[in-house]
N, C-alpha and C. Protein backbone atom coordinates (compact mmCIF):
# COMPACT_ATOMS: atom_id res chain seq x y z
N MET A 1 12.21 0.49 3.53
CA MET A 1 11.07 0.89 4.33
C MET A 1 9.80 0.53 3.55
N LEU A 2 8.88 -0.14 4.23
CA LEU A 2 7.63 -0.58 3.63
C LEU A 2 6.47 0.19 4.26
N ALA A 3 5.62 0.80 3.45
CA ALA A 3 4.47 1.56 3.93
C ALA A 3 3.26 0.64 4.07
N ILE A 4 2.64 0.72 5.26
CA ILE A 4 1.45 -0.08 5.55
C ILE A 4 0.31 0.88 5.87
N PRO A 5 -0.79 0.86 5.12
CA PRO A 5 -1.90 1.75 5.44
C PRO A 5 -2.58 1.30 6.73
N ILE A 6 -2.83 2.27 7.64
CA ILE A 6 -3.52 1.95 8.90
C ILE A 6 -4.59 3.01 9.17
N ASP A 7 -5.61 2.63 9.96
CA ASP A 7 -6.76 3.49 10.19
C ASP A 7 -6.59 4.51 11.32
N THR A 8 -5.77 4.19 12.31
CA THR A 8 -5.53 5.12 13.43
C THR A 8 -4.05 5.09 13.77
N LYS A 9 -3.60 6.09 14.51
CA LYS A 9 -2.19 6.13 14.92
C LYS A 9 -1.81 4.91 15.76
N GLU A 10 -2.79 4.38 16.50
CA GLU A 10 -2.53 3.27 17.40
C GLU A 10 -2.72 1.90 16.74
N SER A 11 -3.28 1.87 15.56
CA SER A 11 -3.58 0.60 14.91
C SER A 11 -2.31 -0.18 14.58
N THR A 12 -2.42 -1.48 14.70
CA THR A 12 -1.31 -2.36 14.29
C THR A 12 -1.76 -3.33 13.20
N LYS A 13 -2.93 -3.04 12.60
CA LYS A 13 -3.50 -3.92 11.57
C LYS A 13 -3.65 -3.13 10.26
N ILE A 14 -3.39 -3.79 9.16
CA ILE A 14 -3.52 -3.16 7.85
C ILE A 14 -4.95 -2.67 7.64
N SER A 15 -5.08 -1.51 7.03
CA SER A 15 -6.39 -0.96 6.70
C SER A 15 -6.86 -1.54 5.37
N LYS A 16 -8.17 -1.61 5.21
CA LYS A 16 -8.72 -2.01 3.91
C LYS A 16 -8.62 -0.86 2.92
N LEU A 17 -8.51 0.37 3.42
CA LEU A 17 -8.37 1.55 2.57
C LEU A 17 -6.93 1.68 2.08
N TYR A 18 -6.74 2.49 1.05
CA TYR A 18 -5.37 2.86 0.70
C TYR A 18 -5.30 4.37 0.44
N GLY A 19 -5.85 4.83 -0.65
CA GLY A 19 -5.74 6.24 -1.01
C GLY A 19 -6.41 7.19 -0.03
N ARG A 20 -7.40 6.70 0.69
CA ARG A 20 -8.11 7.54 1.66
C ARG A 20 -7.71 7.24 3.10
N VAL A 21 -6.69 6.43 3.30
CA VAL A 21 -6.26 6.07 4.64
C VAL A 21 -5.63 7.29 5.34
N PRO A 22 -5.91 7.47 6.65
CA PRO A 22 -5.36 8.64 7.34
C PRO A 22 -3.89 8.51 7.77
N TYR A 23 -3.39 7.27 7.90
CA TYR A 23 -2.02 7.07 8.40
C TYR A 23 -1.33 5.93 7.67
N PHE A 24 -0.01 5.97 7.73
CA PHE A 24 0.82 4.88 7.26
C PHE A 24 1.79 4.50 8.37
N ALA A 25 1.99 3.20 8.56
CA ALA A 25 3.07 2.71 9.39
C ALA A 25 4.24 2.46 8.45
N LEU A 26 5.38 3.05 8.75
CA LEU A 26 6.57 2.86 7.93
C LEU A 26 7.44 1.82 8.63
N LEU A 27 7.49 0.64 8.04
CA LEU A 27 8.14 -0.52 8.63
C LEU A 27 9.57 -0.67 8.12
N ASP A 28 10.51 -0.72 9.06
CA ASP A 28 11.90 -1.03 8.72
C ASP A 28 11.94 -2.54 8.47
N THR A 29 12.16 -2.93 7.23
CA THR A 29 12.06 -4.35 6.86
C THR A 29 13.25 -5.18 7.36
N LYS A 30 14.26 -4.53 7.91
CA LYS A 30 15.39 -5.27 8.47
C LYS A 30 15.21 -5.53 9.96
N THR A 31 14.63 -4.56 10.68
CA THR A 31 14.53 -4.67 12.14
C THR A 31 13.13 -4.96 12.66
N GLY A 32 12.10 -4.63 11.88
CA GLY A 32 10.72 -4.79 12.34
C GLY A 32 10.20 -3.58 13.09
N ASP A 33 11.06 -2.59 13.32
CA ASP A 33 10.62 -1.34 13.96
C ASP A 33 9.79 -0.55 12.98
N TYR A 34 8.88 0.28 13.49
CA TYR A 34 8.08 1.12 12.61
C TYR A 34 7.72 2.42 13.29
N LYS A 35 7.39 3.40 12.47
CA LYS A 35 6.87 4.68 12.96
C LYS A 35 5.61 4.99 12.16
N VAL A 36 4.73 5.76 12.75
CA VAL A 36 3.46 6.11 12.11
C VAL A 36 3.52 7.56 11.65
N ILE A 37 3.08 7.79 10.40
CA ILE A 37 3.02 9.15 9.86
C ILE A 37 1.61 9.42 9.34
N SER A 38 1.25 10.68 9.29
CA SER A 38 -0.03 11.08 8.69
C SER A 38 0.08 11.00 7.18
N ASN A 39 -1.01 10.64 6.54
CA ASN A 39 -1.06 10.58 5.08
C ASN A 39 -1.37 11.99 4.57
N GLU A 40 -0.35 12.69 4.13
CA GLU A 40 -0.49 14.08 3.69
C GLU A 40 -1.24 14.21 2.37
N VAL A 41 -1.49 13.11 1.68
CA VAL A 41 -2.23 13.15 0.42
C VAL A 41 -3.52 12.32 0.52
N GLN A 42 -4.06 12.24 1.73
CA GLN A 42 -5.28 11.47 1.97
C GLN A 42 -6.38 11.91 1.02
N GLY A 43 -7.01 10.95 0.37
CA GLY A 43 -8.08 11.23 -0.60
C GLY A 43 -7.56 11.48 -2.00
N GLU A 44 -6.26 11.52 -2.17
CA GLU A 44 -5.64 11.73 -3.48
C GLU A 44 -4.72 10.55 -3.78
N GLY A 45 -5.31 9.36 -3.82
CA GLY A 45 -4.57 8.11 -3.95
C GLY A 45 -3.43 8.09 -4.94
N PRO A 46 -3.62 8.59 -6.17
CA PRO A 46 -2.52 8.54 -7.14
C PRO A 46 -1.29 9.37 -6.75
N LYS A 47 -1.41 10.20 -5.72
CA LYS A 47 -0.24 10.96 -5.24
C LYS A 47 0.51 10.19 -4.16
N SER A 48 -0.01 9.02 -3.78
CA SER A 48 0.60 8.23 -2.70
C SER A 48 2.04 7.83 -3.01
N GLY A 49 2.31 7.39 -4.21
CA GLY A 49 3.66 6.97 -4.58
C GLY A 49 4.66 8.10 -4.43
N ASP A 50 4.31 9.29 -4.92
CA ASP A 50 5.19 10.45 -4.81
C ASP A 50 5.45 10.79 -3.34
N PHE A 51 4.36 10.87 -2.56
CA PHE A 51 4.46 11.24 -1.14
C PHE A 51 5.31 10.23 -0.37
N LEU A 52 5.01 8.95 -0.51
CA LEU A 52 5.73 7.95 0.27
C LEU A 52 7.19 7.83 -0.13
N LYS A 53 7.49 8.07 -1.38
CA LYS A 53 8.90 8.06 -1.80
C LYS A 53 9.68 9.14 -1.06
N THR A 54 9.06 10.31 -0.85
CA THR A 54 9.76 11.38 -0.11
C THR A 54 9.98 11.00 1.35
N GLN A 55 9.26 10.00 1.83
CA GLN A 55 9.39 9.54 3.22
C GLN A 55 10.40 8.39 3.36
N GLY A 56 11.09 8.06 2.27
CA GLY A 56 12.10 7.00 2.31
C GLY A 56 11.54 5.60 2.07
N VAL A 57 10.31 5.52 1.60
CA VAL A 57 9.66 4.24 1.35
C VAL A 57 10.14 3.67 0.02
N ASN A 58 10.36 2.34 -0.02
CA ASN A 58 10.71 1.69 -1.28
C ASN A 58 9.72 0.59 -1.65
N SER A 59 8.70 0.37 -0.76
CA SER A 59 7.68 -0.64 -1.06
C SER A 59 6.44 -0.38 -0.21
N THR A 60 5.35 -1.06 -0.58
CA THR A 60 4.11 -0.94 0.16
C THR A 60 3.33 -2.24 0.06
N ILE A 61 2.30 -2.34 0.89
CA ILE A 61 1.40 -3.49 0.86
C ILE A 61 -0.02 -2.96 0.92
N PHE A 62 -0.96 -3.66 0.31
CA PHE A 62 -2.35 -3.19 0.30
C PHE A 62 -3.32 -4.32 0.55
N TYR A 63 -4.50 -3.94 1.03
CA TYR A 63 -5.65 -4.84 1.12
C TYR A 63 -6.50 -4.61 -0.12
N TYR A 64 -6.89 -3.35 -0.35
CA TYR A 64 -7.53 -2.92 -1.59
C TYR A 64 -6.71 -1.80 -2.19
N MET A 65 -6.56 -1.80 -3.51
CA MET A 65 -5.85 -0.72 -4.19
C MET A 65 -6.34 -0.65 -5.63
N GLY A 66 -6.54 0.58 -6.11
CA GLY A 66 -6.92 0.80 -7.50
C GLY A 66 -5.70 0.93 -8.40
N GLU A 67 -5.94 0.88 -9.68
CA GLU A 67 -4.85 0.90 -10.65
C GLU A 67 -4.08 2.22 -10.66
N GLY A 68 -4.79 3.34 -10.47
CA GLY A 68 -4.11 4.63 -10.46
C GLY A 68 -3.09 4.75 -9.35
N VAL A 69 -3.44 4.25 -8.17
CA VAL A 69 -2.51 4.26 -7.03
C VAL A 69 -1.33 3.34 -7.35
N TYR A 70 -1.63 2.15 -7.85
CA TYR A 70 -0.56 1.21 -8.21
C TYR A 70 0.42 1.84 -9.21
N LYS A 71 -0.11 2.48 -10.22
CA LYS A 71 0.75 3.09 -11.24
C LYS A 71 1.63 4.20 -10.67
N SER A 72 1.14 4.88 -9.61
CA SER A 72 1.97 5.92 -8.99
C SER A 72 3.19 5.30 -8.30
N PHE A 73 3.03 4.08 -7.79
CA PHE A 73 4.17 3.39 -7.20
C PHE A 73 5.13 2.92 -8.28
N CYS A 74 4.60 2.40 -9.37
CA CYS A 74 5.45 1.96 -10.48
C CYS A 74 6.27 3.13 -11.02
N LYS A 75 5.62 4.26 -11.20
CA LYS A 75 6.28 5.46 -11.72
C LYS A 75 7.46 5.87 -10.84
N ASN A 76 7.34 5.62 -9.54
CA ASN A 76 8.38 5.97 -8.58
C ASN A 76 9.36 4.84 -8.31
N GLY A 77 9.21 3.72 -9.02
CA GLY A 77 10.14 2.60 -8.86
C GLY A 77 9.99 1.87 -7.53
N LEU A 78 8.78 1.90 -6.95
CA LEU A 78 8.53 1.26 -5.66
C LEU A 78 7.83 -0.08 -5.86
N GLU A 79 8.16 -1.04 -5.02
CA GLU A 79 7.53 -2.36 -5.09
C GLU A 79 6.18 -2.34 -4.38
N VAL A 80 5.25 -3.15 -4.87
CA VAL A 80 3.91 -3.24 -4.29
C VAL A 80 3.60 -4.72 -4.03
N TYR A 81 3.14 -4.98 -2.81
CA TYR A 81 2.75 -6.33 -2.40
C TYR A 81 1.27 -6.36 -2.05
N THR A 82 0.63 -7.49 -2.26
CA THR A 82 -0.76 -7.66 -1.86
C THR A 82 -0.83 -8.39 -0.53
N ALA A 83 -1.79 -7.98 0.30
CA ALA A 83 -2.08 -8.72 1.54
C ALA A 83 -2.99 -9.89 1.23
N ASP A 84 -3.46 -9.97 -0.01
CA ASP A 84 -4.32 -11.05 -0.48
C ASP A 84 -5.54 -11.24 0.43
N TYR A 85 -6.12 -10.09 0.82
CA TYR A 85 -7.34 -10.04 1.65
C TYR A 85 -7.15 -10.62 3.05
N ASN A 86 -5.92 -10.58 3.54
CA ASN A 86 -5.63 -10.97 4.92
C ASN A 86 -5.50 -9.69 5.75
N GLU A 87 -6.14 -9.66 6.89
CA GLU A 87 -6.05 -8.50 7.78
C GLU A 87 -4.83 -8.64 8.68
N TYR A 88 -3.66 -8.58 8.04
CA TYR A 88 -2.39 -8.77 8.73
C TYR A 88 -2.12 -7.66 9.76
N THR A 89 -1.40 -8.04 10.81
CA THR A 89 -0.84 -7.05 11.72
C THR A 89 0.51 -6.63 11.13
N ILE A 90 1.05 -5.55 11.67
CA ILE A 90 2.36 -5.09 11.21
C ILE A 90 3.40 -6.18 11.44
N GLU A 91 3.34 -6.83 12.58
CA GLU A 91 4.28 -7.91 12.90
C GLU A 91 4.14 -9.07 11.91
N GLU A 92 2.91 -9.42 11.56
CA GLU A 92 2.70 -10.50 10.59
C GLU A 92 3.23 -10.12 9.21
N ILE A 93 3.06 -8.86 8.83
CA ILE A 93 3.59 -8.41 7.54
C ILE A 93 5.10 -8.53 7.53
N PHE A 94 5.75 -8.11 8.62
CA PHE A 94 7.21 -8.22 8.73
C PHE A 94 7.64 -9.68 8.56
N THR A 95 6.97 -10.59 9.24
CA THR A 95 7.30 -12.01 9.17
C THR A 95 7.07 -12.57 7.77
N GLU A 96 5.90 -12.29 7.20
CA GLU A 96 5.58 -12.80 5.86
C GLU A 96 6.56 -12.27 4.81
N LEU A 97 6.90 -10.99 4.91
CA LEU A 97 7.84 -10.39 3.96
C LEU A 97 9.21 -11.07 4.05
N ASN A 98 9.68 -11.24 5.27
CA ASN A 98 11.01 -11.82 5.46
C ASN A 98 11.05 -13.32 5.17
N ASN A 99 9.91 -13.96 5.13
CA ASN A 99 9.83 -15.37 4.73
C ASN A 99 9.45 -15.51 3.25
N ASN A 100 9.47 -14.40 2.52
CA ASN A 100 9.15 -14.37 1.09
C ASN A 100 7.78 -14.98 0.79
N LYS A 101 6.80 -14.69 1.64
CA LYS A 101 5.47 -15.25 1.44
C LYS A 101 4.47 -14.23 0.90
N LEU A 102 4.88 -12.98 0.73
CA LEU A 102 3.99 -11.97 0.16
C LEU A 102 4.13 -11.97 -1.36
N VAL A 103 3.02 -11.78 -2.05
CA VAL A 103 3.04 -11.74 -3.52
C VAL A 103 3.29 -10.31 -3.97
N LYS A 104 4.33 -10.16 -4.78
CA LYS A 104 4.68 -8.85 -5.34
C LYS A 104 3.97 -8.67 -6.68
N LEU A 105 3.42 -7.49 -6.90
CA LEU A 105 2.76 -7.21 -8.17
C LEU A 105 3.79 -6.97 -9.25
N THR A 106 3.45 -7.45 -10.44
CA THR A 106 4.31 -7.30 -11.61
C THR A 106 3.46 -6.84 -12.78
N GLY A 107 4.10 -6.53 -13.88
CA GLY A 107 3.39 -6.16 -15.09
C GLY A 107 2.47 -7.26 -15.58
N GLU A 108 2.76 -8.50 -15.24
CA GLU A 108 1.97 -9.64 -15.68
C GLU A 108 0.78 -9.94 -14.77
N ASN A 109 0.89 -9.66 -13.47
CA ASN A 109 -0.17 -10.10 -12.55
C ASN A 109 -1.00 -8.97 -11.93
N TYR A 110 -0.61 -7.72 -12.10
CA TYR A 110 -1.25 -6.64 -11.34
C TYR A 110 -2.73 -6.47 -11.64
N LYS A 111 -3.16 -6.65 -12.88
CA LYS A 111 -4.59 -6.47 -13.19
C LYS A 111 -5.46 -7.49 -12.47
N LYS A 112 -4.94 -8.69 -12.28
CA LYS A 112 -5.67 -9.73 -11.59
C LYS A 112 -5.71 -9.48 -10.07
N LEU A 113 -4.67 -8.86 -9.52
CA LEU A 113 -4.55 -8.71 -8.07
C LEU A 113 -5.12 -7.40 -7.52
N LEU A 114 -5.24 -6.38 -8.37
CA LEU A 114 -5.78 -5.10 -7.89
C LEU A 114 -7.29 -5.17 -7.73
N ASN A 115 -7.79 -4.38 -6.79
CA ASN A 115 -9.22 -4.29 -6.52
C ASN A 115 -9.42 -2.98 -5.77
N PRO A 116 -10.21 -2.03 -6.30
CA PRO A 116 -10.37 -0.75 -5.62
C PRO A 116 -11.17 -0.83 -4.33
N GLY A 117 -11.84 -1.94 -4.06
CA GLY A 117 -12.52 -2.10 -2.78
C GLY A 117 -13.95 -2.55 -2.92
N GLU A 118 -14.49 -2.99 -1.80
CA GLU A 118 -15.86 -3.49 -1.75
C GLU A 118 -16.84 -2.37 -2.07
N GLY A 119 -17.64 -2.55 -3.09
CA GLY A 119 -18.64 -1.55 -3.44
C GLY A 119 -18.05 -0.25 -3.93
N GLU A 120 -16.76 -0.22 -4.16
CA GLU A 120 -16.08 1.00 -4.59
C GLU A 120 -15.81 0.92 -6.09
N THR A 121 -15.63 2.06 -6.66
CA THR A 121 -15.12 2.12 -8.01
C THR A 121 -13.87 2.96 -7.96
N CYS A 122 -12.99 2.72 -8.85
CA CYS A 122 -11.75 3.48 -8.90
C CYS A 122 -12.07 4.86 -9.45
N SER A 123 -11.78 5.89 -8.67
CA SER A 123 -12.08 7.25 -9.12
C SER A 123 -10.81 8.05 -9.42
N CYS A 124 -9.72 7.34 -9.64
CA CYS A 124 -8.44 8.02 -9.85
C CYS A 124 -8.22 8.43 -11.30
N GLY A 125 -9.08 8.00 -12.19
CA GLY A 125 -8.93 8.36 -13.59
C GLY A 125 -8.24 7.28 -14.41
N CYS A 126 -7.81 6.19 -13.77
CA CYS A 126 -7.11 5.15 -14.52
C CYS A 126 -8.00 4.50 -15.57
N GLU A 127 -9.27 4.41 -15.29
CA GLU A 127 -10.19 3.82 -16.27
C GLU A 127 -10.31 4.68 -17.53
N ASP A 128 -10.11 5.99 -17.35
CA ASP A 128 -10.21 6.91 -18.47
C ASP A 128 -9.06 6.77 -19.45
N SER A 129 -7.95 6.19 -18.98
CA SER A 129 -6.76 6.13 -19.84
C SER A 129 -6.69 4.86 -20.66
N LYS A 130 -7.73 4.03 -20.63
CA LYS A 130 -7.71 2.77 -21.39
C LYS A 130 -8.20 2.98 -22.81
């Protein structure tokens, strides 16, 4: 199951937000079916990995994401993919994932690929731990 941040229950497009996003679409990566859930840790980005793991998620994709949120996924053993600034639909994400066209973050590339957002600063505390 892959978590996709979305702005409304009806949205089918990835949100630019992550930690403050109100909803996630949980995509079955085998069938393309998905369900929408409320983000119970909205505004607490670094808790996203813990929360989504309890929902059966094993991976996620982002438009913008800070290091603290990313590390919460690593801590939970979940894979993280970048949308690479593409405003993908859920269907496009399913297709790109199954065609192995999404870039997965690794220990070697994550610092280059993460970005907390336009005009945003990461407020999760990750900068404090350097």
